[in-house]
């Protein structure tokens, strides 16, 4: 059984930071590119960031470029999203997802999803 479990969400003030974590079980972690997505109330789920299987390639949405950093530790089967300089518009449920082998930046490309973790940024 495949499970993705996110943690690290919460309520913070504008300008502060959060570090999200997501751990994969049930599959070989190093065989999967990993992505972070977010969904605000009443909006579609949007791409945030993704990282290749070995961690050598990363990509970001324009809205978070320079503020968010994705990383992974294959030994711990965990992907991270360090979020700095948070803004109220970053408020959303954040989901991690696993995509077999090849890094992609679209929701439909991903094979497995976590349950999400709420991030709320107050102004």
C-alpha atoms as a PDB file:
ATOM      1  CA  UNK A   1       0.000   0.000   0.000  1.00  0.00           C
ATOM      2  CA  UNK A   2       1.359   3.372  -1.030  1.00  0.00           C
ATOM      3  CA  UNK A   3       1.222   6.189   1.488  1.00  0.00           C
ATOM      4  CA  UNK A   4       2.370   9.781   1.341  1.00  0.00           C
ATOM      5  CA  UNK A   5       2.198  11.603   4.644  1.00  0.00           C
ATOM      6  CA  UNK A   6       2.760  15.350   4.843  1.00  0.00           C
ATOM      7  CA  UNK A   7       3.568  17.338   7.946  1.00  0.00           C
ATOM      8  CA  UNK A   8       4.757  20.794   8.936  1.00  0.00           C
ATOM      9  CA  UNK A   9       1.816  22.982   8.031  1.00  0.00           C
ATOM     10  CA  UNK A  10       0.428  25.604  10.346  1.00  0.00           C
ATOM     11  CA  UNK A  11      -0.492  29.223  10.916  1.00  0.00           C
ATOM     12  CA  UNK A  12       2.225  31.847  10.495  1.00  0.00           C
ATOM     13  CA  UNK A  13       2.474  35.568   9.976  1.00  0.00           C
ATOM     14  CA  UNK A  14       3.509  37.249   6.761  1.00  0.00           C
ATOM     15  CA  UNK A  15       7.245  37.046   6.231  1.00  0.00           C
ATOM     16  CA  UNK A  16       7.767  33.979   8.359  1.00  0.00           C
ATOM     17  CA  UNK A  17       8.843  30.495   7.301  1.00  0.00           C
ATOM     18  CA  UNK A  18       7.585  26.923   7.349  1.00  0.00           C
ATOM     19  CA  UNK A  19       9.212  23.647   6.365  1.00  0.00           C
ATOM     20  CA  UNK A  20       6.930  20.950   5.010  1.00  0.00           C
ATOM     21  CA  UNK A  21       7.913  17.290   4.967  1.00  0.00           C
ATOM     22  CA  UNK A  22       6.449  14.342   3.109  1.00  0.00           C
ATOM     23  CA  UNK A  23       7.387  10.707   3.572  1.00  0.00           C
ATOM     24  CA  UNK A  24       6.628   7.941   1.077  1.00  0.00           C
ATOM     25  CA  UNK A  25       6.064   4.331   2.045  1.00  0.00           C
ATOM     26  CA  UNK A  26       5.101   1.330  -0.023  1.00  0.00           C
ATOM     27  CA  UNK A  27       7.267   2.142  -3.021  1.00  0.00           C
ATOM     28  CA  UNK A  28      10.945   2.647  -3.779  1.00  0.00           C
ATOM     29  CA  UNK A  29      11.309   6.347  -3.036  1.00  0.00           C
ATOM     30  CA  UNK A  30      14.325   6.871  -5.266  1.00  0.00           C
ATOM     31  CA  UNK A  31      12.308   5.699  -8.292  1.00  0.00           C
ATOM     32  CA  UNK A  32       9.941   8.650  -8.013  1.00  0.00           C
ATOM     33  CA  UNK A  33      10.156  12.297  -8.861  1.00  0.00           C
ATOM     34  CA  UNK A  34       8.393  14.247  -6.145  1.00  0.00           C
ATOM     35  CA  UNK A  35       6.227  17.316  -6.373  1.00  0.00           C
ATOM     36  CA  UNK A  36       4.454  19.821  -4.188  1.00  0.00           C
ATOM     37  CA  UNK A  37       1.120  21.295  -5.163  1.00  0.00           C
ATOM     38  CA  UNK A  38      -1.331  23.578  -3.413  1.00  0.00           C
ATOM     39  CA  UNK A  39      -5.020  24.283  -3.508  1.00  0.00           C
ATOM     40  CA  UNK A  40      -6.696  27.383  -2.129  1.00  0.00           C
ATOM     41  CA  UNK A  41     -10.433  27.400  -1.339  1.00  0.00           C
ATOM     42  CA  UNK A  42     -12.493  27.583  -4.497  1.00  0.00           C
ATOM     43  CA  UNK A  43      -9.460  27.244  -6.765  1.00  0.00           C
ATOM     44  CA  UNK A  44      -7.818  24.514  -8.758  1.00  0.00           C
ATOM     45  CA  UNK A  45      -4.836  22.568  -7.501  1.00  0.00           C
ATOM     46  CA  UNK A  46      -1.675  24.285  -8.717  1.00  0.00           C
ATOM     47  CA  UNK A  47       1.903  23.207  -9.182  1.00  0.00           C
ATOM     48  CA  UNK A  48       4.401  24.608  -6.674  1.00  0.00           C
ATOM     49  CA  UNK A  49       7.665  22.711  -7.104  1.00  0.00           C
ATOM     50  CA  UNK A  50       9.139  19.385  -8.142  1.00  0.00           C
ATOM     51  CA  UNK A  51      12.411  17.519  -7.795  1.00  0.00           C
ATOM     52  CA  UNK A  52      13.955  14.720  -9.805  1.00  0.00           C
ATOM     53  CA  UNK A  53      14.680  11.252  -8.468  1.00  0.00           C
ATOM     54  CA  UNK A  54      18.276  12.023  -7.559  1.00  0.00           C
ATOM     55  CA  UNK A  55      17.607  15.593  -6.495  1.00  0.00           C
ATOM     56  CA  UNK A  56      19.752  17.137  -9.207  1.00  0.00           C
ATOM     57  CA  UNK A  57      16.931  18.884 -11.019  1.00  0.00           C
ATOM     58  CA  UNK A  58      14.319  21.145  -9.469  1.00  0.00           C
ATOM     59  CA  UNK A  59      11.616  23.369 -10.862  1.00  0.00           C
ATOM     60  CA  UNK A  60       9.380  26.010  -9.319  1.00  0.00           C
ATOM     61  CA  UNK A  61       6.269  27.972 -10.085  1.00  0.00           C
ATOM     62  CA  UNK A  62       7.030  31.610 -10.818  1.00  0.00           C
ATOM     63  CA  UNK A  63       5.018  32.657  -7.777  1.00  0.00           C
ATOM     64  CA  UNK A  64       7.368  30.869  -5.356  1.00  0.00           C
ATOM     65  CA  UNK A  65      10.695  31.089  -7.206  1.00  0.00           C
ATOM     66  CA  UNK A  66      13.331  32.500  -4.897  1.00  0.00           C
ATOM     67  CA  UNK A  67      11.244  31.982  -1.765  1.00  0.00           C
ATOM     68  CA  UNK A  68      10.655  28.211  -1.665  1.00  0.00           C
ATOM     69  CA  UNK A  69      13.243  25.454  -1.833  1.00  0.00           C
ATOM     70  CA  UNK A  70      12.517  21.803  -2.522  1.00  0.00           C
ATOM     71  CA  UNK A  71      14.902  19.059  -1.442  1.00  0.00           C
ATOM     72  CA  UNK A  72      14.871  15.354  -0.761  1.00  0.00           C
ATOM     73  CA  UNK A  73      16.645  12.757   1.330  1.00  0.00           C
ATOM     74  CA  UNK A  74      16.358   9.385  -0.372  1.00  0.00           C
ATOM     75  CA  UNK A  75      17.734   7.553   2.656  1.00  0.00           C
ATOM     76  CA  UNK A  76      14.853   8.961   4.727  1.00  0.00           C
ATOM     77  CA  UNK A  77      12.299   8.572   1.913  1.00  0.00           C
ATOM     78  CA  UNK A  78      11.345  12.193   2.490  1.00  0.00           C
ATOM     79  CA  UNK A  79      10.869  15.307   0.402  1.00  0.00           C
ATOM     80  CA  UNK A  80      10.907  18.779   1.919  1.00  0.00           C
ATOM     81  CA  UNK A  81       9.572  22.191   0.990  1.00  0.00           C
ATOM     82  CA  UNK A  82      11.238  25.070   2.776  1.00  0.00           C
ATOM     83  CA  UNK A  83       8.974  28.089   2.473  1.00  0.00           C
ATOM     84  CA  UNK A  84      10.413  31.495   3.316  1.00  0.00           C
ATOM     85  CA  UNK A  85       9.009  35.007   3.113  1.00  0.00           C
ATOM     86  CA  UNK A  86       5.492  33.660   3.220  1.00  0.00           C
ATOM     87  CA  UNK A  87       2.636  35.786   1.927  1.00  0.00           C
ATOM     88  CA  UNK A  88      -1.116  35.622   2.540  1.00  0.00           C
ATOM     89  CA  UNK A  89      -1.543  34.393  -1.047  1.00  0.00           C
ATOM     90  CA  UNK A  90       0.464  31.301  -0.117  1.00  0.00           C
ATOM     91  CA  UNK A  91      -2.441  30.191   2.072  1.00  0.00           C
ATOM     92  CA  UNK A  92      -3.655  26.800   0.819  1.00  0.00           C
ATOM     93  CA  UNK A  93      -3.695  23.098   1.462  1.00  0.00           C
ATOM     94  CA  UNK A  94      -0.323  21.767   0.354  1.00  0.00           C
ATOM     95  CA  UNK A  95      -0.075  18.317  -1.173  1.00  0.00           C
ATOM     96  CA  UNK A  96       2.935  16.225  -1.979  1.00  0.00           C
ATOM     97  CA  UNK A  97       2.808  13.782  -4.863  1.00  0.00           C
ATOM     98  CA  UNK A  98       4.940  11.073  -6.413  1.00  0.00           C
ATOM     99  CA  UNK A  99       5.544  10.621 -10.134  1.00  0.00           C
ATOM    100  CA  UNK A 100       7.259   7.452 -11.339  1.00  0.00           C
ATOM    101  CA  UNK A 101      10.665   8.131 -12.863  1.00  0.00           C
ATOM    102  CA  UNK A 102      10.312  11.395 -14.790  1.00  0.00           C
ATOM    103  CA  UNK A 103       9.889  14.849 -13.287  1.00  0.00           C
ATOM    104  CA  UNK A 104       6.740  16.659 -14.399  1.00  0.00           C
ATOM    105  CA  UNK A 105       4.964  19.846 -13.364  1.00  0.00           C
ATOM    106  CA  UNK A 106       1.325  18.954 -14.022  1.00  0.00           C
ATOM    107  CA  UNK A 107      -1.259  17.627 -11.610  1.00  0.00           C
ATOM    108  CA  UNK A 108      -2.455  14.904 -13.972  1.00  0.00           C
ATOM    109  CA  UNK A 109       1.022  13.401 -14.334  1.00  0.00           C
ATOM    110  CA  UNK A 110       1.373  12.288 -10.723  1.00  0.00           C
ATOM    111  CA  UNK A 111       0.638   8.767  -9.556  1.00  0.00           C
ATOM    112  CA  UNK A 112       0.204   9.103  -5.809  1.00  0.00           C
ATOM    113  CA  UNK A 113      -0.943  11.877  -3.508  1.00  0.00           C
ATOM    114  CA  UNK A 114      -0.817  12.711   0.166  1.00  0.00           C
ATOM    115  CA  UNK A 115      -3.757  13.901   2.208  1.00  0.00           C
ATOM    116  CA  UNK A 116      -2.541  17.491   2.379  1.00  0.00           C
ATOM    117  CA  UNK A 117      -1.440  19.864   5.102  1.00  0.00           C
ATOM    118  CA  UNK A 118      -2.928  23.300   5.729  1.00  0.00           C
ATOM    119  CA  UNK A 119      -0.738  26.377   5.486  1.00  0.00           C
ATOM    120  CA  UNK A 120      -2.275  29.656   6.591  1.00  0.00           C
ATOM    121  CA  UNK A 121      -0.418  32.951   6.355  1.00  0.00           C
ATOM    122  CA  UNK A 122      -1.946  35.851   8.214  1.00  0.00           C
ATOM    123  CA  UNK A 123      -1.401  39.454   7.191  1.00  0.00           C
END
